[in-house]
Amino acid sequence: MNYQNSPPRYVILNDRGLLAIEGAEARTFLQGVISNDIEKATAQQAIYAALLTAQGKYLHDFFIAELNGVLLVDCEDARRDDLFRRLSMYKLRAQATISDQSGEYVAVALFGDGIEEICELSEQPGMAKPFHYGVAYVDPRHSGMGIRAILPREDAEQIMQGLNITEGSKEDYDNLRLQLGLPDGSRDMIIEKSILLENGFDELHGVDWNKGCYIGQELTARTKHRGLIKKRLVPVVIQGPPPAPGTTIQWDGKEVGEMRSSIDGFGLALIRLEYLDKTTEADTTFSAGDASVTPQKPDWVDF
């Protein structure tokens, strides 16, 4: 797949919220909560991470970047209050404060040919730098997704215009994301049910295997070391009407997977690994409702 091959564009991600975490013990309490190593989040590096249940099931995923010593958490706006509540609960008596900065800052996606040069960043996932009173960083999951930025809300449009970057659409962003095979929070992962490693968090740099304990670590580590992954989230090409999320995928009369989000003939699906090899067989058809779907194996996965 050609992940970019398009002019530079930006999209203001109004479906994202921003939380700020600061204080002497902000990192200490976060280290015992999230799946990634918070010490990796610096002014020069942003991270991708998740918050899990005690049983190791998905609750939230988010990006963390540092701006002027404050940790900014880029999360799903619709579930921002729930994340705020859970983090506040885990903070206990730690010397840290959590505040909602969604009214002051906004997340922006920048993608397309040459966007790294425009933002003066390399293609190293997570590489970050101060950027127009905010911060910009290469998407920590995959550099093919381009740049993410956290900018003052009232100035974001003007900053983008000053860089001569054309405004794109959320559909443009989703199309790129789906072709790459990257999940988009609770649109693609089921709260209190999904497992990180089924959704690519290992390869997408969302889990640190060398840090200390965190909530849900035991199941995550056991799944990794015992090779217990039986399903994977993969991109699919859709022919026919787009199947709704949750639609069963069938092969030869067997239920082999389930659809997630989709747009413009591309989607994501969670499919049992034993059936993914069937895509190489002649006359093989996977069906999802009234559509046929063809799984694609991204070049970044390890299975």
C-alpha atoms as a PDB file:
ATOM      1  CA  MET A   1       0.000   0.000   0.000  1.00  0.00           C
ATOM      2  CA  ASN A   2       1.074   3.610  -0.612  1.00  0.00           C
ATOM      3  CA  TYR A   3       0.302   5.223   2.725  1.00  0.00           C
ATOM      4  CA  GLN A   4       0.693   8.814   1.661  1.00  0.00           C
ATOM      5  CA  ASN A   5       1.207   9.744  -2.013  1.00  0.00           C
ATOM      6  CA  SER A   6      -0.852  12.894  -1.502  1.00  0.00           C
ATOM      7  CA  PRO A   7      -0.280  16.610  -0.863  1.00  0.00           C
ATOM      8  CA  PRO A   8       0.238  17.778   2.732  1.00  0.00           C
ATOM      9  CA  ARG A   9      -3.031  18.196   4.611  1.00  0.00           C
ATOM     10  CA  TYR A  10      -4.209  18.878   8.125  1.00  0.00           C
ATOM     11  CA  VAL A  11      -7.316  17.882  10.040  1.00  0.00           C
ATOM     12  CA  ILE A  12      -8.384  19.397  13.355  1.00  0.00           C
ATOM     13  CA  LEU A  13      -9.424  16.403  15.438  1.00  0.00           C
ATOM     14  CA  ASN A  14     -12.477  17.707  17.254  1.00  0.00           C
ATOM     15  CA  ASP A  15     -13.263  14.160  18.393  1.00  0.00           C
ATOM     16  CA  ARG A  16     -10.194  14.252  20.640  1.00  0.00           C
ATOM     17  CA  GLY A  17      -9.913  15.697  24.154  1.00  0.00           C
ATOM     18  CA  LEU A  18      -6.859  16.928  26.062  1.00  0.00           C
ATOM     19  CA  LEU A  19      -6.017  16.277  29.711  1.00  0.00           C
ATOM     20  CA  ALA A  20      -3.019  17.827  31.463  1.00  0.00           C
ATOM     21  CA  ILE A  21      -1.155  16.025  34.241  1.00  0.00           C
ATOM     22  CA  GLU A  22       1.538  17.772  36.271  1.00  0.00           C
ATOM     23  CA  GLY A  23       3.171  17.762  39.666  1.00  0.00           C
ATOM     24  CA  ALA A  24       6.139  16.214  41.463  1.00  0.00           C
ATOM     25  CA  GLU A  25       4.622  12.709  41.438  1.00  0.00           C
ATOM     26  CA  ALA A  26       2.745  12.832  38.126  1.00  0.00           C
ATOM     27  CA  ARG A  27       5.084  10.374  36.437  1.00  0.00           C
ATOM     28  CA  THR A  28       5.287   8.110  39.472  1.00  0.00           C
ATOM     29  CA  PHE A  29       1.566   7.475  39.604  1.00  0.00           C
ATOM     30  CA  LEU A  30       1.208   7.154  35.820  1.00  0.00           C
ATOM     31  CA  GLN A  31       4.016   4.585  35.696  1.00  0.00           C
ATOM     32  CA  GLY A  32       1.930   2.201  37.774  1.00  0.00           C
ATOM     33  CA  VAL A  33      -1.148   2.699  35.622  1.00  0.00           C
ATOM     34  CA  ILE A  34      -0.345   2.789  31.881  1.00  0.00           C
ATOM     35  CA  SER A  35       1.030   0.146  29.504  1.00  0.00           C
ATOM     36  CA  ASN A  36       4.015   2.168  28.293  1.00  0.00           C
ATOM     37  CA  ASP A  37       7.013   3.664  30.095  1.00  0.00           C
ATOM     38  CA  ILE A  38       6.115   7.232  31.071  1.00  0.00           C
ATOM     39  CA  GLU A  39       9.815   8.074  31.371  1.00  0.00           C
ATOM     40  CA  LYS A  40      10.009   7.857  27.589  1.00  0.00           C
ATOM     41  CA  ALA A  41       7.647  10.849  27.291  1.00  0.00           C
ATOM     42  CA  THR A  42       9.907  13.894  27.063  1.00  0.00           C
ATOM     43  CA  ALA A  43      10.071  17.175  25.202  1.00  0.00           C
ATOM     44  CA  GLN A  44      11.788  15.204  22.407  1.00  0.00           C
ATOM     45  CA  GLN A  45       9.607  12.061  22.442  1.00  0.00           C
ATOM     46  CA  ALA A  46       5.864  11.326  22.628  1.00  0.00           C
ATOM     47  CA  ILE A  47       4.378   7.914  23.428  1.00  0.00           C
ATOM     48  CA  TYR A  48       1.272   5.824  22.740  1.00  0.00           C
ATOM     49  CA  ALA A  49      -0.187   3.888  25.671  1.00  0.00           C
ATOM     50  CA  ALA A  50      -3.295   2.280  27.145  1.00  0.00           C
ATOM     51  CA  LEU A  51      -5.150   1.990  30.416  1.00  0.00           C
ATOM     52  CA  LEU A  52      -6.413  -1.533  31.171  1.00  0.00           C
ATOM     53  CA  THR A  53      -8.684  -3.304  33.598  1.00  0.00           C
ATOM     54  CA  ALA A  54      -7.067  -5.387  36.333  1.00  0.00           C
ATOM     55  CA  GLN A  55      -7.780  -8.382  34.063  1.00  0.00           C
ATOM     56  CA  GLY A  56      -5.751  -6.840  31.230  1.00  0.00           C
ATOM     57  CA  LYS A  57      -8.671  -5.763  29.025  1.00  0.00           C
ATOM     58  CA  TYR A  58      -8.866  -2.492  27.099  1.00  0.00           C
ATOM     59  CA  LEU A  59     -10.315   0.636  28.711  1.00  0.00           C
ATOM     60  CA  HIS A  60      -8.633   3.631  27.011  1.00  0.00           C
ATOM     61  CA  ASP A  61      -5.787   4.360  24.627  1.00  0.00           C
ATOM     62  CA  PHE A  62      -4.104   7.737  24.211  1.00  0.00           C
ATOM     63  CA  PHE A  63      -1.002   9.694  23.257  1.00  0.00           C
ATOM     64  CA  ILE A  64       1.158  11.485  25.826  1.00  0.00           C
ATOM     65  CA  ALA A  65       3.387  14.430  24.919  1.00  0.00           C
ATOM     66  CA  GLU A  66       5.275  16.862  27.140  1.00  0.00           C
ATOM     67  CA  LEU A  67       4.873  20.629  26.875  1.00  0.00           C
ATOM     68  CA  ASN A  68       6.714  22.943  29.266  1.00  0.00           C
ATOM     69  CA  GLY A  69       7.052  20.138  31.818  1.00  0.00           C
ATOM     70  CA  VAL A  70       3.340  19.248  31.670  1.00  0.00           C
ATOM     71  CA  LEU A  71       2.145  15.872  30.350  1.00  0.00           C
ATOM     72  CA  LEU A  72      -0.631  16.331  27.772  1.00  0.00           C
ATOM     73  CA  VAL A  73      -2.887  13.337  27.185  1.00  0.00           C
ATOM     74  CA  ASP A  74      -4.579  13.222  23.756  1.00  0.00           C
ATOM     75  CA  CYS A  75      -7.633  10.978  24.247  1.00  0.00           C
ATOM     76  CA  GLU A  76     -11.115  10.238  22.886  1.00  0.00           C
ATOM     77  CA  ASP A  77     -13.243  13.281  23.602  1.00  0.00           C
ATOM     78  CA  ALA A  78     -16.447  11.270  24.044  1.00  0.00           C
ATOM     79  CA  ARG A  79     -14.781   9.235  26.805  1.00  0.00           C
ATOM     80  CA  ARG A  80     -12.630  12.004  28.262  1.00  0.00           C
ATOM     81  CA  ASP A  81     -14.684  12.279  31.456  1.00  0.00           C
ATOM     82  CA  ASP A  82     -14.333   8.553  32.124  1.00  0.00           C
ATOM     83  CA  LEU A  83     -10.556   8.689  31.645  1.00  0.00           C
ATOM     84  CA  PHE A  84     -10.364  11.755  33.917  1.00  0.00           C
ATOM     85  CA  ARG A  85     -12.349   9.903  36.587  1.00  0.00           C
ATOM     86  CA  ARG A  86     -10.224   6.765  36.424  1.00  0.00           C
ATOM     87  CA  LEU A  87      -6.909   8.623  36.498  1.00  0.00           C
ATOM     88  CA  SER A  88      -8.129  10.729  39.423  1.00  0.00           C
ATOM     89  CA  MET A  89      -9.060   7.538  41.273  1.00  0.00           C
ATOM     90  CA  TYR A  90      -5.628   5.970  40.689  1.00  0.00           C
ATOM     91  CA  LYS A  91      -3.807   9.165  41.630  1.00  0.00           C
ATOM     92  CA  LEU A  92      -4.772   8.658  45.296  1.00  0.00           C
ATOM     93  CA  ARG A  93      -2.597  11.007  47.371  1.00  0.00           C
ATOM     94  CA  ALA A  94       0.137  11.498  44.798  1.00  0.00           C
ATOM     95  CA  GLN A  95       1.400  15.059  44.424  1.00  0.00           C
ATOM     96  CA  ALA A  96      -0.132  15.524  40.987  1.00  0.00           C
ATOM     97  CA  THR A  97      -2.994  17.427  39.428  1.00  0.00           C
ATOM     98  CA  ILE A  98      -5.183  16.435  36.488  1.00  0.00           C
ATOM     99  CA  SER A  99      -7.032  19.123  34.549  1.00  0.00           C
ATOM    100  CA  ASP A 100      -9.157  19.217  31.425  1.00  0.00           C
ATOM    101  CA  GLN A 101      -7.480  21.378  28.788  1.00  0.00           C
ATOM    102  CA  SER A 102      -9.840  20.564  25.902  1.00  0.00           C
ATOM    103  CA  GLY A 103     -11.091  24.149  25.779  1.00  0.00           C
ATOM    104  CA  GLU A 104      -7.570  25.562  25.529  1.00  0.00           C
ATOM    105  CA  TYR A 105      -5.830  23.032  23.266  1.00  0.00           C
ATOM    106  CA  VAL A 106      -6.804  20.934  20.274  1.00  0.00           C
ATOM    107  CA  ALA A 107      -5.241  17.903  18.584  1.00  0.00           C
ATOM    108  CA  VAL A 108      -4.333  18.242  14.906  1.00  0.00           C
ATOM    109  CA  ALA A 109      -3.313  15.536  12.417  1.00  0.00           C
ATOM    110  CA  LEU A 110      -0.897  16.488   9.614  1.00  0.00           C
ATOM    111  CA  PHE A 111      -0.186  13.991   6.850  1.00  0.00           C
ATOM    112  CA  GLY A 112       0.822  13.663   3.215  1.00  0.00           C
ATOM    113  CA  ASP A 113       4.019  13.935   1.211  1.00  0.00           C
ATOM    114  CA  GLY A 114       6.686  16.141   2.766  1.00  0.00           C
ATOM    115  CA  ILE A 115       4.844  16.833   6.008  1.00  0.00           C
ATOM    116  CA  GLU A 116       7.883  15.823   8.098  1.00  0.00           C
ATOM    117  CA  GLU A 117      10.033  18.367   6.288  1.00  0.00           C
ATOM    118  CA  ILE A 118       7.431  21.100   6.785  1.00  0.00           C
ATOM    119  CA  CYS A 119       7.326  20.361  10.530  1.00  0.00           C
ATOM    120  CA  GLU A 120      11.107  19.822  10.674  1.00  0.00           C
ATOM    121  CA  LEU A 121      10.771  16.331  12.103  1.00  0.00           C
ATOM    122  CA  SER A 122      12.234  13.009  10.966  1.00  0.00           C
ATOM    123  CA  GLU A 123      10.229   9.842  10.319  1.00  0.00           C
ATOM    124  CA  GLN A 124      11.190   8.359  13.689  1.00  0.00           C
ATOM    125  CA  PRO A 125       7.958   7.374  15.495  1.00  0.00           C
ATOM    126  CA  GLY A 126       7.332   9.592  18.505  1.00  0.00           C
ATOM    127  CA  MET A 127       9.995  12.211  17.735  1.00  0.00           C
ATOM    128  CA  ALA A 128       8.720  15.503  19.214  1.00  0.00           C
ATOM    129  CA  LYS A 129       9.538  19.215  19.298  1.00  0.00           C
ATOM    130  CA  PRO A 130       8.015  22.506  20.474  1.00  0.00           C
ATOM    131  CA  PHE A 131       5.716  23.788  17.728  1.00  0.00           C
ATOM    132  CA  HIS A 132       3.937  27.174  17.588  1.00  0.00           C
ATOM    133  CA  TYR A 133       3.125  27.444  21.321  1.00  0.00           C
ATOM    134  CA  GLY A 134       2.318  23.749  21.382  1.00  0.00           C
ATOM    135  CA  VAL A 135       4.041  20.494  20.524  1.00  0.00           C
ATOM    136  CA  ALA A 136       4.305  18.391  17.338  1.00  0.00           C
ATOM    137  CA  TYR A 137       5.386  14.787  17.129  1.00  0.00           C
ATOM    138  CA  VAL A 138       5.625  11.942  14.649  1.00  0.00           C
ATOM    139  CA  ASP A 139       2.771   9.525  15.284  1.00  0.00           C
ATOM    140  CA  PRO A 140       4.293   7.091  17.831  1.00  0.00           C
ATOM    141  CA  ARG A 141       2.406   4.134  16.342  1.00  0.00           C
ATOM    142  CA  HIS A 142       3.600   4.364  12.743  1.00  0.00           C
ATOM    143  CA  SER A 143       5.365   7.165  10.862  1.00  0.00           C
ATOM    144  CA  GLY A 144       3.045   6.532   7.898  1.00  0.00           C
ATOM    145  CA  MET A 145       0.330   8.358   9.855  1.00  0.00           C
ATOM    146  CA  GLY A 146       2.377  11.555   9.664  1.00  0.00           C
ATOM    147  CA  ILE A 147       2.477  14.154  12.437  1.00  0.00           C
ATOM    148  CA  ARG A 148       0.227  14.889  15.389  1.00  0.00           C
ATOM    149  CA  ALA A 149       0.232  18.289  17.052  1.00  0.00           C
ATOM    150  CA  ILE A 150      -1.309  19.792  20.178  1.00  0.00           C
ATOM    151  CA  LEU A 151      -1.921  23.495  19.579  1.00  0.00           C
ATOM    152  CA  PRO A 152      -3.729  26.404  21.236  1.00  0.00           C
ATOM    153  CA  ARG A 153      -7.321  25.936  20.064  1.00  0.00           C
ATOM    154  CA  GLU A 154      -7.923  29.535  19.037  1.00  0.00           C
ATOM    155  CA  ASP A 155      -4.714  29.689  16.959  1.00  0.00           C
ATOM    156  CA  ALA A 156      -4.679  26.260  15.299  1.00  0.00           C
ATOM    157  CA  GLU A 157      -6.347  27.252  12.011  1.00  0.00           C
ATOM    158  CA  GLN A 158      -4.140  30.318  11.603  1.00  0.00           C
ATOM    159  CA  ILE A 159      -0.991  28.303  12.321  1.00  0.00           C
ATOM    160  CA  MET A 160      -1.904  25.766   9.640  1.00  0.00           C
ATOM    161  CA  GLN A 161      -2.681  28.504   7.117  1.00  0.00           C
ATOM    162  CA  GLY A 162       0.672  30.117   7.879  1.00  0.00           C
ATOM    163  CA  LEU A 163       2.376  26.846   6.960  1.00  0.00           C
ATOM    164  CA  ASN A 164       0.428  26.734   3.655  1.00  0.00           C
ATOM    165  CA  ILE A 165      -1.024  23.337   4.482  1.00  0.00           C
ATOM    166  CA  THR A 166      -4.396  22.529   2.913  1.00  0.00           C
ATOM    167  CA  GLU A 167      -7.258  21.509   5.166  1.00  0.00           C
ATOM    168  CA  GLY A 168      -8.294  17.905   4.651  1.00  0.00           C
ATOM    169  CA  SER A 169     -11.250  15.935   5.975  1.00  0.00           C
ATOM    170  CA  LYS A 170     -11.660  13.447   8.796  1.00  0.00           C
ATOM    171  CA  GLU A 171     -12.485  10.946   6.030  1.00  0.00           C
ATOM    172  CA  ASP A 172      -9.014  11.523   4.524  1.00  0.00           C
ATOM    173  CA  TYR A 173      -7.452  10.800   7.902  1.00  0.00           C
ATOM    174  CA  ASP A 174      -9.592   7.698   8.487  1.00  0.00           C
ATOM    175  CA  ASN A 175      -8.846   6.367   5.007  1.00  0.00           C
ATOM    176  CA  LEU A 176      -5.109   6.534   5.706  1.00  0.00           C
ATOM    177  CA  ARG A 177      -5.536   5.000   9.165  1.00  0.00           C
ATOM    178  CA  LEU A 178      -7.623   2.111   7.854  1.00  0.00           C
ATOM    179  CA  GLN A 179      -5.240   1.308   5.018  1.00  0.00           C
ATOM    180  CA  LEU A 180      -2.413   1.178   7.541  1.00  0.00           C
ATOM    181  CA  GLY A 181      -4.483  -1.013   9.846  1.00  0.00           C
ATOM    182  CA  LEU A 182      -4.420   1.177  12.982  1.00  0.00           C
ATOM    183  CA  PRO A 183      -7.246   1.000  15.541  1.00  0.00           C
ATOM    184  CA  ASP A 184      -9.099   4.137  16.595  1.00  0.00           C
ATOM    185  CA  GLY A 185      -9.924   3.663  20.255  1.00  0.00           C
ATOM    186  CA  SER A 186     -13.350   2.341  21.164  1.00  0.00           C
ATOM    187  CA  ARG A 187     -14.441   2.442  17.519  1.00  0.00           C
ATOM    188  CA  ASP A 188     -12.248  -0.600  16.938  1.00  0.00           C
ATOM    189  CA  MET A 189     -11.609  -2.043  20.396  1.00  0.00           C
ATOM    190  CA  ILE A 190     -14.329  -3.228  22.749  1.00  0.00           C
ATOM    191  CA  ILE A 191     -14.207  -1.708  26.216  1.00  0.00           C
ATOM    192  CA  GLU A 192     -13.457  -4.264  28.945  1.00  0.00           C
ATOM    193  CA  LYS A 193     -13.105  -7.028  26.344  1.00  0.00           C
ATOM    194  CA  SER A 194     -10.365  -6.347  23.783  1.00  0.00           C
ATOM    195  CA  ILE A 195      -6.762  -7.462  24.353  1.00  0.00           C
ATOM    196  CA  LEU A 196      -3.935  -5.099  23.414  1.00  0.00           C
ATOM    197  CA  LEU A 197      -1.819  -7.606  21.513  1.00  0.00           C
ATOM    198  CA  GLU A 198      -4.740  -8.621  19.281  1.00  0.00           C
ATOM    199  CA  ASN A 199      -4.862  -4.984  18.193  1.00  0.00           C
ATOM    200  CA  GLY A 200      -1.200  -4.471  17.349  1.00  0.00           C
ATOM    201  CA  PHE A 201      -0.064  -2.597  20.464  1.00  0.00           C
ATOM    202  CA  ASP A 202       3.247  -4.454  20.579  1.00  0.00           C
ATOM    203  CA  GLU A 203       4.315  -3.508  17.053  1.00  0.00           C
ATOM    204  CA  LEU A 204       2.714  -0.057  17.388  1.00  0.00           C
ATOM    205  CA  HIS A 205       4.972   0.765  20.353  1.00  0.00           C
ATOM    206  CA  GLY A 206       2.126   0.935  22.883  1.00  0.00           C
ATOM    207  CA  VAL A 207       3.560  -1.548  25.425  1.00  0.00           C
ATOM    208  CA  ASP A 208       6.873  -1.499  27.271  1.00  0.00           C
ATOM    209  CA  TRP A 209       8.073  -4.974  28.306  1.00  0.00           C
ATOM    210  CA  ASN A 210      10.825  -3.778  30.636  1.00  0.00           C
ATOM    211  CA  LYS A 211       9.004  -1.343  32.907  1.00  0.00           C
ATOM    212  CA  GLY A 212       7.657  -2.231  36.340  1.00  0.00           C
ATOM    213  CA  CYS A 213       4.159  -3.403  37.155  1.00  0.00           C
ATOM    214  CA  TYR A 214       1.074  -1.628  35.877  1.00  0.00           C
ATOM    215  CA  ILE A 215      -2.628  -2.388  35.943  1.00  0.00           C
ATOM    216  CA  GLY A 216      -3.358  -5.377  33.673  1.00  0.00           C
ATOM    217  CA  GLN A 217       0.312  -6.239  33.138  1.00  0.00           C
ATOM    218  CA  GLU A 218      -0.002  -9.885  34.168  1.00  0.00           C
ATOM    219  CA  LEU A 219      -2.408 -10.922  31.418  1.00  0.00           C
ATOM    220  CA  THR A 220      -0.627  -8.778  28.830  1.00  0.00           C
ATOM    221  CA  ALA A 221       2.747 -10.369  29.613  1.00  0.00           C
ATOM    222  CA  ARG A 222       1.329 -13.889  29.762  1.00  0.00           C
ATOM    223  CA  THR A 223      -0.370 -13.413  26.402  1.00  0.00           C
ATOM    224  CA  LYS A 224       2.923 -12.277  24.895  1.00  0.00           C
ATOM    225  CA  HIS A 225       5.211 -14.962  26.316  1.00  0.00           C
ATOM    226  CA  ARG A 226       2.871 -17.906  25.913  1.00  0.00           C
ATOM    227  CA  GLY A 227       1.871 -17.032  22.371  1.00  0.00           C
ATOM    228  CA  LEU A 228      -1.821 -16.952  23.220  1.00  0.00           C
ATOM    229  CA  ILE A 229      -2.907 -14.564  20.465  1.00  0.00           C
ATOM    230  CA  LYS A 230      -5.498 -16.289  18.266  1.00  0.00           C
ATOM    231  CA  LYS A 231      -6.979 -13.242  16.489  1.00  0.00           C
ATOM    232  CA  ARG A 232      -5.590 -10.062  14.964  1.00  0.00           C
ATOM    233  CA  LEU A 233      -7.014  -6.764  13.838  1.00  0.00           C
ATOM    234  CA  VAL A 234      -6.179  -6.310  10.148  1.00  0.00           C
ATOM    235  CA  PRO A 235      -7.218  -3.976   7.329  1.00  0.00           C
ATOM    236  CA  VAL A 236      -9.759  -5.316   4.839  1.00  0.00           C
ATOM    237  CA  VAL A 237     -10.808  -4.220   1.364  1.00  0.00           C
ATOM    238  CA  ILE A 238     -14.603  -4.162   1.110  1.00  0.00           C
ATOM    239  CA  GLN A 239     -16.680  -4.891  -1.970  1.00  0.00           C
ATOM    240  CA  GLY A 240     -20.335  -4.092  -1.458  1.00  0.00           C
ATOM    241  CA  PRO A 241     -22.218  -2.125   1.207  1.00  0.00           C
ATOM    242  CA  PRO A 242     -20.040  -1.264   4.205  1.00  0.00           C
ATOM    243  CA  PRO A 243     -20.728  -3.751   7.030  1.00  0.00           C
ATOM    244  CA  ALA A 244     -21.670  -2.233  10.376  1.00  0.00           C
ATOM    245  CA  PRO A 245     -19.188  -2.654  13.233  1.00  0.00           C
ATOM    246  CA  GLY A 246     -19.792  -6.004  14.886  1.00  0.00           C
ATOM    247  CA  THR A 247     -20.939  -7.715  11.688  1.00  0.00           C
ATOM    248  CA  THR A 248     -19.791 -11.342  11.667  1.00  0.00           C
ATOM    249  CA  ILE A 249     -17.225 -12.332   9.037  1.00  0.00           C
ATOM    250  CA  GLN A 250     -17.707 -15.786   7.579  1.00  0.00           C
ATOM    251  CA  TRP A 251     -15.628 -18.158   5.495  1.00  0.00           C
ATOM    252  CA  ASP A 252     -17.005 -21.416   4.148  1.00  0.00           C
ATOM    253  CA  GLY A 253     -19.934 -21.211   6.560  1.00  0.00           C
ATOM    254  CA  LYS A 254     -17.730 -20.643   9.615  1.00  0.00           C
ATOM    255  CA  GLU A 255     -17.645 -17.524  11.784  1.00  0.00           C
ATOM    256  CA  VAL A 256     -14.024 -16.388  11.588  1.00  0.00           C
ATOM    257  CA  GLY A 257     -14.070 -12.744  12.621  1.00  0.00           C
ATOM    258  CA  GLU A 258     -15.902  -9.507  13.220  1.00  0.00           C
ATOM    259  CA  MET A 259     -15.950  -6.112  11.484  1.00  0.00           C
ATOM    260  CA  ARG A 260     -14.831  -2.905  13.113  1.00  0.00           C
ATOM    261  CA  SER A 261     -14.794   0.627  11.595  1.00  0.00           C
ATOM    262  CA  SER A 262     -14.819   1.227   7.835  1.00  0.00           C
ATOM    263  CA  ILE A 263     -15.006   3.954   5.185  1.00  0.00           C
ATOM    264  CA  ASP A 264     -14.786   4.188   1.381  1.00  0.00           C
ATOM    265  CA  GLY A 265     -14.132   0.509   0.738  1.00  0.00           C
ATOM    266  CA  PHE A 266     -11.554   0.078   3.501  1.00  0.00           C
ATOM    267  CA  GLY A 267     -12.096  -1.227   7.017  1.00  0.00           C
ATOM    268  CA  LEU A 268     -10.679  -3.085   9.967  1.00  0.00           C
ATOM    269  CA  ALA A 269     -11.671  -6.552  11.102  1.00  0.00           C
ATOM    270  CA  LEU A 270     -10.676  -8.849  13.929  1.00  0.00           C
ATOM    271  CA  ILE A 271     -10.002 -12.223  12.267  1.00  0.00           C
ATOM    272  CA  ARG A 272      -8.806 -15.546  13.604  1.00  0.00           C
ATOM    273  CA  LEU A 273      -5.185 -16.109  12.582  1.00  0.00           C
ATOM    274  CA  GLU A 274      -5.803 -19.624  11.323  1.00  0.00           C
ATOM    275  CA  TYR A 275      -8.060 -18.217   8.610  1.00  0.00           C
ATOM    276  CA  LEU A 276      -5.938 -15.291   7.473  1.00  0.00           C
ATOM    277  CA  ASP A 277      -3.823 -17.654   5.375  1.00  0.00           C
ATOM    278  CA  LYS A 278      -6.958 -18.576   3.428  1.00  0.00           C
ATOM    279  CA  THR A 279      -6.694 -15.268   1.568  1.00  0.00           C
ATOM    280  CA  THR A 280      -3.967 -16.809  -0.598  1.00  0.00           C
ATOM    281  CA  GLU A 281      -6.178 -19.675  -1.722  1.00  0.00           C
ATOM    282  CA  ALA A 282      -7.989 -19.529  -5.046  1.00  0.00           C
ATOM    283  CA  ASP A 283     -11.738 -18.783  -4.982  1.00  0.00           C
ATOM    284  CA  THR A 284     -11.568 -17.826  -1.308  1.00  0.00           C
ATOM    285  CA  THR A 285     -14.249 -15.341  -0.221  1.00  0.00           C
ATOM    286  CA  PHE A 286     -14.815 -13.814   3.176  1.00  0.00           C
ATOM    287  CA  SER A 287     -18.282 -12.360   3.628  1.00  0.00           C
ATOM    288  CA  ALA A 288     -19.613  -9.742   6.047  1.00  0.00           C
ATOM    289  CA  GLY A 289     -23.325  -9.162   5.649  1.00  0.00           C
ATOM    290  CA  ASP A 290     -23.968  -8.399   1.977  1.00  0.00           C
ATOM    291  CA  ALA A 291     -20.341  -7.489   1.299  1.00  0.00           C
ATOM    292  CA  SER A 292     -17.226  -9.485   0.552  1.00  0.00           C
ATOM    293  CA  VAL A 293     -14.038  -8.564   2.398  1.00  0.00           C
ATOM    294  CA  THR A 294     -10.423  -9.309   1.592  1.00  0.00           C
ATOM    295  CA  PRO A 295      -7.968  -9.127   4.524  1.00  0.00           C
ATOM    296  CA  GLN A 296      -4.620  -7.443   3.966  1.00  0.00           C
ATOM    297  CA  LYS A 297      -1.532  -8.103   6.062  1.00  0.00           C
ATOM    298  CA  PRO A 298       0.192  -4.813   6.930  1.00  0.00           C
ATOM    299  CA  ASP A 299       3.959  -4.666   6.525  1.00  0.00           C
ATOM    300  CA  TRP A 300       4.451  -3.701  10.181  1.00  0.00           C
ATOM    301  CA  VAL A 301       2.786  -6.707  11.838  1.00  0.00           C
ATOM    302  CA  ASP A 302       4.686  -9.631  13.315  1.00  0.00           C
ATOM    303  CA  PHE A 303       2.622 -12.786  12.783  1.00  0.00           C
END
